[in-house]
């Protein structure tokens, strides 16, 4: 990319900053260890769940010989990055101990996810600080400005998204954005795109979609067998830079175990089935998931970009040409997304209604992350459409702190009583 194509000129760049909080890393690790302890109390867990736990708590998932590309959204094609011989790593952070660190740079009323994400960047030795460059879609105002902050540290590429999901109008434009991303990766990483590697990455990604669809199908019958917390842990482990073939192999083991467990007697007391929608939930911020499962309910399906929705759609790359593969990735990552950043929320609303019917759920829980304006602006229509379809809905508005845990528990239990 030439100087005229640079999104951040560097004219007013600032020296990269690191936190002066000596205990920051210890607090971040303590939060993760506490969450691991809570997960260990789940009665039924896949026998290889320790593999996914190790992946989520490790900083050594990527060989030192491979460049690391940090992503802050699931609308960036991992396959394209990996085809350069690099490893794509999702860096969005759910650790509440990182929020105060982020406030050293980002003050005011900004969502905790963004504050925590920049907080991790300030920690020496963190995964974010090891990345060679960053890619962020323009999915919200906070991410746009986060990109400018991160440009003080490493090269940043902002992936411009269309305002509406009309592939007839914007597919060519979006495919060209992916071409531009490819040029950025080539010039930044000093590597060439391997088309054969891209085809293989797409194949492995489609294998992941197939595995997750089968797990989803089995969970419709027995959602009690795999906790939503273990499911989210497993899914998010696949976006840490490990080879997808390795993740697929371990997920296949989990699927085989789940298929065998289907023959075990179901609990006599059935838990209330719910569909989860709303703002993302990133490890280790599983507070709401814990409250829901501890309150005699079970999440039968979700639409979160950090849950099943992040890996359910395959890529229809039936041809081997680069342009065709980029168009198929645009269709998968952009035009199949249910992110509220797009003008219409019809895709998300239809998905929620379909999941309620498919899984025989009794109601919907909307995770409203404080200061997430996109989800807040959608809440009115979500409530009205759920009411129109006679689907009970509970808004769970919270942030990263644990102080409101009991208050959330009371609200969830009261909602479940109305359903029973």
Protein backbone atom coordinates (compact mmCIF):
# COMPACT_ATOMS: atom_id res chain seq x y z
CA UNK A 1 0.00 0.00 0.00
CA UNK A 2 1.34 3.41 -0.92
CA UNK A 3 1.48 6.37 1.43
CA UNK A 4 -1.69 7.79 -0.13
CA UNK A 5 -3.56 4.59 0.83
CA UNK A 6 -2.62 4.68 4.49
CA UNK A 7 -5.63 5.11 6.76
CA UNK A 8 -3.55 6.58 9.59
CA UNK A 9 -0.92 9.08 8.47
CA UNK A 10 1.04 9.02 11.71
CA UNK A 11 1.20 12.82 11.64
CA UNK A 12 -0.07 12.99 15.21
CA UNK A 13 1.10 9.59 16.37
CA UNK A 14 1.92 9.15 20.04
CA UNK A 15 4.64 7.07 21.69
CA UNK A 16 3.36 3.55 22.51
CA UNK A 17 2.33 3.40 26.12
CA UNK A 18 2.51 0.57 28.64
CA UNK A 19 0.81 0.30 31.98
CA UNK A 20 2.68 1.19 35.14
CA UNK A 21 0.46 -1.12 37.22
CA UNK A 22 2.85 -3.82 38.41
CA UNK A 23 0.05 -6.12 39.57
CA UNK A 24 -2.02 -5.90 36.37
CA UNK A 25 -0.99 -9.28 34.97
CA UNK A 26 -1.57 -11.00 38.31
CA UNK A 27 -5.12 -9.63 38.52
CA UNK A 28 -5.86 -10.65 34.94
CA UNK A 29 -4.60 -14.18 35.64
CA UNK A 30 -6.59 -14.32 38.88
CA UNK A 31 -9.82 -13.60 36.99
CA UNK A 32 -9.10 -16.42 34.53
CA UNK A 33 -8.23 -18.87 37.29
CA UNK A 34 -11.43 -17.99 39.14
CA UNK A 35 -13.45 -18.67 36.00
CA UNK A 36 -11.68 -21.99 35.48
CA UNK A 37 -12.59 -22.91 39.05
CA UNK A 38 -16.24 -22.09 38.38
CA UNK A 39 -16.22 -24.15 35.19
CA UNK A 40 -14.79 -27.13 37.06
CA UNK A 41 -18.02 -27.27 39.08
CA UNK A 42 -20.11 -28.11 36.01
CA UNK A 43 -21.37 -31.67 36.57
CA UNK A 44 -21.21 -33.00 32.99
CA UNK A 45 -18.28 -31.92 30.81
CA UNK A 46 -16.65 -33.27 27.64
CA UNK A 47 -13.63 -35.46 28.52
CA UNK A 48 -11.26 -33.32 26.41
CA UNK A 49 -12.44 -29.94 27.72
CA UNK A 50 -9.02 -29.43 29.36
CA UNK A 51 -7.54 -29.02 25.87
CA UNK A 52 -9.76 -26.02 25.15
CA UNK A 53 -9.10 -24.55 28.60
CA UNK A 54 -5.35 -24.76 28.01
CA UNK A 55 -5.69 -23.05 24.63
CA UNK A 56 -7.71 -20.17 26.11
CA UNK A 57 -5.20 -19.52 28.89
CA UNK A 58 -1.98 -19.90 26.91
CA UNK A 59 0.22 -17.28 25.21
CA UNK A 60 2.15 -19.87 23.22
CA UNK A 61 -0.38 -21.16 20.69
CA UNK A 62 1.48 -19.71 17.69
CA UNK A 63 5.03 -20.75 16.65
CA UNK A 64 7.51 -17.86 16.80
CA UNK A 65 8.23 -18.33 13.08
CA UNK A 66 4.69 -17.27 12.14
CA UNK A 67 3.54 -13.62 12.16
CA UNK A 68 0.56 -12.83 14.39
CA UNK A 69 -2.32 -10.71 13.10
CA UNK A 70 -4.66 -9.40 15.82
CA UNK A 71 -8.37 -9.08 15.03
CA UNK A 72 -11.08 -7.33 17.01
CA UNK A 73 -14.19 -8.73 15.32
CA UNK A 74 -15.34 -11.95 13.66
CA UNK A 75 -16.13 -10.18 10.36
CA UNK A 76 -12.51 -10.55 9.23
CA UNK A 77 -11.71 -13.67 7.15
CA UNK A 78 -9.30 -15.78 9.18
CA UNK A 79 -8.69 -17.95 6.13
CA UNK A 80 -7.19 -15.06 4.15
CA UNK A 81 -4.76 -14.13 6.93
CA UNK A 82 -3.66 -17.69 7.53
CA UNK A 83 -3.05 -18.14 3.77
CA UNK A 84 -0.15 -15.68 4.12
CA UNK A 85 1.55 -18.09 6.53
CA UNK A 86 0.43 -15.91 9.44
CA UNK A 87 -1.98 -16.76 12.26
CA UNK A 88 -5.16 -14.78 12.88
CA UNK A 89 -5.90 -14.19 16.58
CA UNK A 90 -9.08 -12.65 17.94
CA UNK A 91 -8.09 -10.16 20.64
CA UNK A 92 -11.42 -8.83 21.91
CA UNK A 93 -11.14 -9.05 25.68
CA UNK A 94 -13.67 -10.07 28.33
CA UNK A 95 -11.41 -9.73 31.36
CA UNK A 96 -12.75 -7.17 33.88
CA UNK A 97 -9.26 -6.72 35.37
CA UNK A 98 -8.13 -5.20 32.06
CA UNK A 99 -10.82 -2.47 32.08
CA UNK A 100 -9.00 -0.14 34.56
CA UNK A 101 -5.88 -0.44 32.42
CA UNK A 102 -7.78 0.64 29.33
CA UNK A 103 -9.10 3.64 31.24
CA UNK A 104 -5.53 4.96 31.37
CA UNK A 105 -6.11 5.85 27.70
CA UNK A 106 -9.86 5.64 27.10
CA UNK A 107 -11.86 7.61 29.64
CA UNK A 108 -15.57 8.37 29.77
CA UNK A 109 -18.60 6.34 28.77
CA UNK A 110 -17.14 3.73 26.43
CA UNK A 111 -18.10 0.05 26.36
CA UNK A 112 -16.02 -2.19 28.68
CA UNK A 113 -15.10 -4.54 25.83
CA UNK A 114 -13.13 -1.79 24.08
CA UNK A 115 -11.54 -0.60 27.34
CA UNK A 116 -10.50 -4.14 28.26
CA UNK A 117 -9.13 -4.76 24.76
CA UNK A 118 -6.88 -1.71 24.83
CA UNK A 119 -5.98 -2.55 28.43
CA UNK A 120 -4.47 -5.83 27.28
CA UNK A 121 -2.45 -3.93 24.67
CA UNK A 122 -0.82 -1.98 27.52
CA UNK A 123 0.35 -5.14 29.29
CA UNK A 124 3.96 -6.10 28.45
CA UNK A 125 4.12 -9.66 27.13
CA UNK A 126 0.37 -9.93 26.43
CA UNK A 127 -0.84 -11.63 23.27
CA UNK A 128 -1.95 -8.28 21.86
CA UNK A 129 1.51 -6.77 22.38
CA UNK A 130 3.07 -9.65 20.42
CA UNK A 131 1.06 -9.08 17.23
CA UNK A 132 2.71 -7.78 14.07
CA UNK A 133 -0.34 -5.83 12.92
CA UNK A 134 -4.06 -5.41 13.57
CA UNK A 135 -7.23 -5.62 11.47
CA UNK A 136 -10.50 -4.03 12.61
CA UNK A 137 -13.79 -3.79 10.71
CA UNK A 138 -15.62 -0.46 10.92
CA UNK A 139 -18.50 -2.13 12.75
CA UNK A 140 -18.94 0.59 15.38
CA UNK A 141 -17.56 4.02 16.28
CA UNK A 142 -15.61 2.58 19.20
CA UNK A 143 -13.71 0.19 16.91
CA UNK A 144 -12.93 2.98 14.46
CA UNK A 145 -11.24 5.03 17.17
CA UNK A 146 -9.67 1.93 18.70
CA UNK A 147 -7.92 1.43 15.37
CA UNK A 148 -6.37 4.88 15.60
CA UNK A 149 -5.12 4.19 19.13
CA UNK A 150 -3.63 0.85 18.07
CA UNK A 151 -1.88 2.51 15.11
CA UNK A 152 0.54 4.04 17.64
CA UNK A 153 1.73 0.50 18.37
CA UNK A 154 1.63 -1.49 15.11
CA UNK A 155 0.31 -1.15 11.53
CA UNK A 156 -3.50 -1.17 11.45
CA UNK A 157 -5.94 -1.96 8.65
CA UNK A 158 -9.54 -0.77 8.95
CA UNK A 159 -11.86 -2.99 6.90
CA UNK A 160 -14.62 -0.73 5.58
CA UNK A 161 -18.04 -2.39 5.74
CA UNK A 162 -21.12 -1.59 3.67
CA UNK A 163 -23.94 0.11 5.56
CA UNK A 164 -26.49 -2.47 4.45
CA UNK A 165 -26.39 -6.18 3.69
CA UNK A 166 -27.39 -5.99 0.05
CA UNK A 167 -24.98 -8.25 -1.79
CA UNK A 168 -26.46 -7.23 -5.15
CA UNK A 169 -25.28 -3.67 -4.51
CA UNK A 170 -22.19 -4.09 -2.34
CA UNK A 171 -20.59 -7.50 -2.99
CA UNK A 172 -18.10 -6.15 -5.54
CA UNK A 173 -17.19 -3.27 -3.23
CA UNK A 174 -16.68 -5.61 -0.25
CA UNK A 175 -14.62 -8.09 -2.29
CA UNK A 176 -12.36 -5.20 -3.30
CA UNK A 177 -11.93 -4.36 0.40
CA UNK A 178 -10.68 -7.90 0.92
CA UNK A 179 -8.29 -7.40 -2.01
CA UNK A 180 -7.05 -4.26 -0.26
CA UNK A 181 -6.64 -6.23 2.96
CA UNK A 182 -4.64 -8.81 1.03
CA UNK A 183 -2.32 -6.06 -0.27
CA UNK A 184 -1.88 -4.71 3.27
CA UNK A 185 -0.99 -8.14 4.64
CA UNK A 186 1.48 -8.77 1.83
CA UNK A 187 3.30 -5.46 2.29
CA UNK A 188 3.23 -5.53 6.11
CA UNK A 189 4.19 -9.16 6.64
CA UNK A 190 6.53 -9.34 3.61
CA UNK A 191 4.83 -12.53 2.49
CA UNK A 192 2.89 -13.70 -0.53
CA UNK A 193 -0.61 -15.10 -0.55
CA UNK A 194 -0.65 -18.86 -1.13
CA UNK A 195 -3.82 -19.68 -3.06
CA UNK A 196 -3.50 -23.40 -2.32
CA UNK A 197 -3.22 -22.57 1.39
CA UNK A 198 -6.30 -20.35 1.10
CA UNK A 199 -8.29 -23.22 -0.42
CA UNK A 200 -7.16 -25.51 2.41
CA UNK A 201 -8.04 -22.92 5.07
CA UNK A 202 -11.52 -22.53 3.54
CA UNK A 203 -11.89 -26.32 3.55
CA UNK A 204 -10.92 -26.53 7.24
CA UNK A 205 -13.27 -23.65 8.06
CA UNK A 206 -16.14 -25.43 6.31
CA UNK A 207 -15.29 -28.53 8.32
CA UNK A 208 -15.64 -26.45 11.48
CA UNK A 209 -19.07 -25.26 10.34
CA UNK A 210 -20.13 -28.85 9.68
CA UNK A 211 -19.00 -29.98 13.14
CA UNK A 212 -20.74 -27.08 14.90
CA UNK A 213 -23.97 -27.66 12.99
CA UNK A 214 -23.96 -31.28 14.10
CA UNK A 215 -23.29 -30.30 17.72
CA UNK A 216 -26.13 -27.78 17.47
CA UNK A 217 -28.43 -30.50 16.11
CA UNK A 218 -27.65 -32.85 19.00
CA UNK A 219 -27.99 -30.10 21.60
CA UNK A 220 -31.53 -29.41 20.43
CA UNK A 221 -32.46 -32.81 21.89
CA UNK A 222 -30.18 -32.69 24.93
CA UNK A 223 -28.90 -29.18 25.70
CA UNK A 224 -28.09 -30.37 29.24
CA UNK A 225 -25.15 -32.46 28.01
CA UNK A 226 -22.92 -29.56 26.99
CA UNK A 227 -22.93 -26.42 29.12
CA UNK A 228 -23.20 -23.18 27.17
CA UNK A 229 -20.07 -22.07 29.03
CA UNK A 230 -18.09 -25.07 27.77
CA UNK A 231 -19.53 -24.52 24.30
CA UNK A 232 -18.42 -20.87 24.24
CA UNK A 233 -15.01 -21.84 25.62
CA UNK A 234 -14.59 -24.44 22.88
CA UNK A 235 -15.72 -22.08 20.11
CA UNK A 236 -13.55 -19.16 21.22
CA UNK A 237 -10.52 -21.46 21.52
CA UNK A 238 -10.73 -21.90 17.75
CA UNK A 239 -9.88 -18.22 17.23
CA UNK A 240 -6.60 -18.11 19.17
CA UNK A 241 -4.21 -18.79 16.30
CA UNK A 242 -4.03 -22.57 16.64
CA UNK A 243 -4.25 -24.57 13.37
CA UNK A 244 -7.92 -25.09 12.61
CA UNK A 245 -7.21 -28.70 11.64
CA UNK A 246 -6.07 -29.30 15.24
CA UNK A 247 -9.18 -27.62 16.66
CA UNK A 248 -11.38 -29.63 14.30
CA UNK A 249 -9.77 -32.86 15.48
CA UNK A 250 -10.50 -32.10 19.14
CA UNK A 251 -14.02 -30.92 18.33
CA UNK A 252 -14.63 -34.17 16.45
CA UNK A 253 -13.75 -36.03 19.66
CA UNK A 254 -16.23 -33.90 21.55
CA UNK A 255 -18.91 -34.60 18.95
CA UNK A 256 -18.32 -38.35 19.18
CA UNK A 257 -18.59 -38.19 22.97
CA UNK A 258 -21.80 -36.17 22.71
CA UNK A 259 -23.33 -38.67 20.29
CA UNK A 260 -22.68 -41.49 22.78
CA UNK A 261 -24.03 -39.46 25.71
CA UNK A 262 -27.35 -39.02 23.88
CA UNK A 263 -28.29 -42.52 25.05
CA UNK A 264 -27.86 -41.68 28.74
CA UNK A 265 -31.04 -41.00 30.75
CA UNK A 266 -32.17 -37.38 30.60
CA UNK A 267 -32.64 -35.53 33.92
CA UNK A 268 -36.12 -36.01 35.37
CA UNK A 269 -36.39 -32.32 36.04
CA UNK A 270 -36.05 -30.49 32.75
CA UNK A 271 -34.55 -27.03 32.76
CA UNK A 272 -36.23 -24.11 31.01
CA UNK A 273 -34.92 -23.63 27.50
CA UNK A 274 -33.86 -20.13 26.47
CA UNK A 275 -32.36 -18.48 23.39
CA UNK A 276 -29.55 -15.99 24.04
CA UNK A 277 -29.07 -12.91 21.88
CA UNK A 278 -27.43 -9.49 22.15
CA UNK A 279 -23.92 -8.18 22.73
CA UNK A 280 -20.82 -10.44 22.65
CA UNK A 281 -19.59 -12.43 25.65
CA UNK A 282 -15.85 -13.01 25.60
CA UNK A 283 -13.75 -15.23 27.84
CA UNK A 284 -13.47 -15.01 30.80
CA UNK A 285 -16.58 -12.82 31.16
CA UNK A 286 -19.04 -15.71 31.52
CA UNK A 287 -20.92 -14.08 34.41
CA UNK A 288 -24.32 -14.00 32.70
CA UNK A 289 -23.89 -17.54 31.37
CA UNK A 290 -23.17 -18.78 34.89
CA UNK A 291 -26.21 -17.01 36.33
CA UNK A 292 -28.50 -18.45 33.65
CA UNK A 293 -27.27 -22.01 34.10
CA UNK A 294 -27.25 -21.82 37.90
CA UNK A 295 -30.86 -20.59 37.82
CA UNK A 296 -32.35 -23.80 36.44
CA UNK A 297 -32.32 -22.77 32.80
CA UNK A 298 -30.39 -23.96 29.76
CA UNK A 299 -29.32 -22.03 26.67
CA UNK A 300 -30.54 -24.12 23.74
CA UNK A 301 -29.20 -21.72 21.08
CA UNK A 302 -27.61 -18.29 20.68
CA UNK A 303 -27.02 -15.55 18.11
CA UNK A 304 -23.91 -14.02 19.70
CA UNK A 305 -20.95 -13.23 17.46
CA UNK A 306 -18.76 -14.92 20.08
CA UNK A 307 -20.90 -18.05 20.18
CA UNK A 308 -22.35 -20.43 17.63
CA UNK A 309 -23.02 -17.62 15.15
CA UNK A 310 -19.26 -17.07 14.71
CA UNK A 311 -18.68 -20.42 13.00
CA UNK A 312 -22.02 -21.73 11.74
CA UNK A 313 -21.88 -20.40 8.16
CA UNK A 314 -19.77 -22.23 5.54
CA UNK A 315 -18.03 -20.61 2.59
CA UNK A 316 -19.39 -21.60 -0.82
CA UNK A 317 -16.01 -21.49 -2.56
CA UNK A 318 -16.65 -24.05 -5.29
CA UNK A 319 -14.18 -22.44 -7.69
CA UNK A 320 -10.45 -22.04 -7.14
CA UNK A 321 -9.97 -18.53 -8.56
CA UNK A 322 -8.78 -15.93 -6.05
CA UNK A 323 -11.49 -13.42 -6.90
CA UNK A 324 -14.20 -16.05 -6.48
CA UNK A 325 -12.77 -17.16 -3.12
CA UNK A 326 -12.67 -13.57 -1.88
CA UNK A 327 -16.31 -13.06 -2.93
CA UNK A 328 -17.32 -16.24 -1.11
CA UNK A 329 -15.51 -15.03 2.03
CA UNK A 330 -17.32 -11.69 1.77
CA UNK A 331 -20.65 -13.52 1.59
CA UNK A 332 -19.76 -15.60 4.66
CA UNK A 333 -18.25 -12.95 6.92
CA UNK A 334 -20.17 -9.81 5.93
CA UNK A 335 -23.43 -10.62 4.22
CA UNK A 336 -24.34 -13.55 6.50
CA UNK A 337 -23.50 -11.62 9.68
CA UNK A 338 -26.24 -10.58 12.08
CA UNK A 339 -24.22 -7.71 13.56
CA UNK A 340 -26.35 -4.68 14.54
CA UNK A 341 -23.93 -2.40 12.67
CA UNK A 342 -26.00 -2.84 9.52
CA UNK A 343 -29.02 -0.68 8.73
CA UNK A 344 -31.68 -3.39 9.08
CA UNK A 345 -31.94 -5.87 11.93
CA UNK A 346 -34.34 -8.17 10.09
CA UNK A 347 -31.67 -10.88 9.78
CA UNK A 348 -31.14 -11.00 13.54
CA UNK A 349 -34.84 -10.88 14.37
CA UNK A 350 -35.63 -13.70 11.96
CA UNK A 351 -32.77 -15.75 13.38
CA UNK A 352 -33.99 -15.34 16.97
CA UNK A 353 -37.55 -16.29 16.07
CA UNK A 354 -36.37 -19.32 14.09
CA UNK A 355 -34.15 -20.53 16.96
CA UNK A 356 -36.99 -20.23 19.48
CA UNK A 357 -39.16 -22.44 17.27
CA UNK A 358 -36.41 -24.90 16.30
CA UNK A 359 -35.27 -25.54 19.87
CA UNK A 360 -38.69 -25.28 21.61
CA UNK A 361 -37.36 -22.46 23.79
CA UNK A 362 -39.70 -20.82 26.29
CA UNK A 363 -38.19 -17.36 26.05
CA UNK A 364 -35.32 -15.11 24.96
CA UNK A 365 -32.60 -13.44 27.03
CA UNK A 366 -31.08 -10.31 25.50
CA UNK A 367 -27.57 -9.57 26.76
CA UNK A 368 -27.37 -5.76 26.83
CA UNK A 369 -23.78 -4.70 27.47
CA UNK A 370 -23.73 -1.26 29.04
CA UNK A 371 -22.66 1.51 26.66
CA UNK A 372 -22.97 -0.72 23.57
CA UNK A 373 -24.98 1.77 21.54
CA UNK A 374 -25.64 -0.50 18.57
CA UNK A 375 -27.42 -3.12 20.67
CA UNK A 376 -29.18 -0.44 22.74
CA UNK A 377 -30.65 1.13 19.60
CA UNK A 378 -32.02 -2.25 18.53
CA UNK A 379 -33.69 -3.11 21.81
CA UNK A 380 -36.98 -1.30 21.18
CA UNK A 381 -37.69 -3.16 17.94
CA UNK A 382 -36.49 -6.46 19.45
CA UNK A 383 -38.97 -6.10 22.33
CA UNK A 384 -41.86 -5.18 20.04
CA UNK A 385 -41.25 -8.00 17.57
CA UNK A 386 -40.87 -10.59 20.34
CA UNK A 387 -44.13 -9.37 21.88
CA UNK A 388 -45.84 -9.56 18.50
CA UNK A 389 -44.70 -13.18 18.19
CA UNK A 390 -45.71 -13.93 21.82
CA UNK A 391 -42.14 -14.74 22.84
CA UNK A 392 -41.21 -13.69 26.41
CA UNK A 393 -38.06 -11.55 26.54
CA UNK A 394 -35.73 -10.59 29.39
CA UNK A 395 -33.22 -7.76 29.06
CA UNK A 396 -30.06 -8.46 31.06
CA UNK A 397 -28.19 -5.15 31.21
CA UNK A 398 -24.75 -5.40 32.75
CA UNK A 399 -21.03 -4.67 32.36
CA UNK A 400 -17.86 -6.58 33.26
CA UNK A 401 -18.03 -6.14 37.04
CA UNK A 402 -19.26 -8.92 39.33
CA UNK A 403 -21.05 -6.58 41.73
CA UNK A 404 -24.47 -7.03 40.11
CA UNK A 405 -24.34 -10.84 39.99
CA UNK A 406 -26.97 -11.41 42.70
CA UNK A 407 -29.22 -8.73 41.24
CA UNK A 408 -29.03 -10.47 37.87
CA UNK A 409 -29.79 -13.80 39.52
CA UNK A 410 -32.95 -12.42 41.12
CA UNK A 411 -34.17 -11.00 37.79
CA UNK A 412 -33.43 -14.23 35.92
CA UNK A 413 -35.20 -16.37 38.52
CA UNK A 414 -38.23 -14.07 38.47
CA UNK A 415 -38.35 -14.32 34.66
CA UNK A 416 -38.16 -18.13 34.82
CA UNK A 417 -41.05 -18.18 37.28
CA UNK A 418 -43.25 -16.32 34.80
CA UNK A 419 -42.37 -18.90 32.13
CA UNK A 420 -43.27 -21.85 34.36
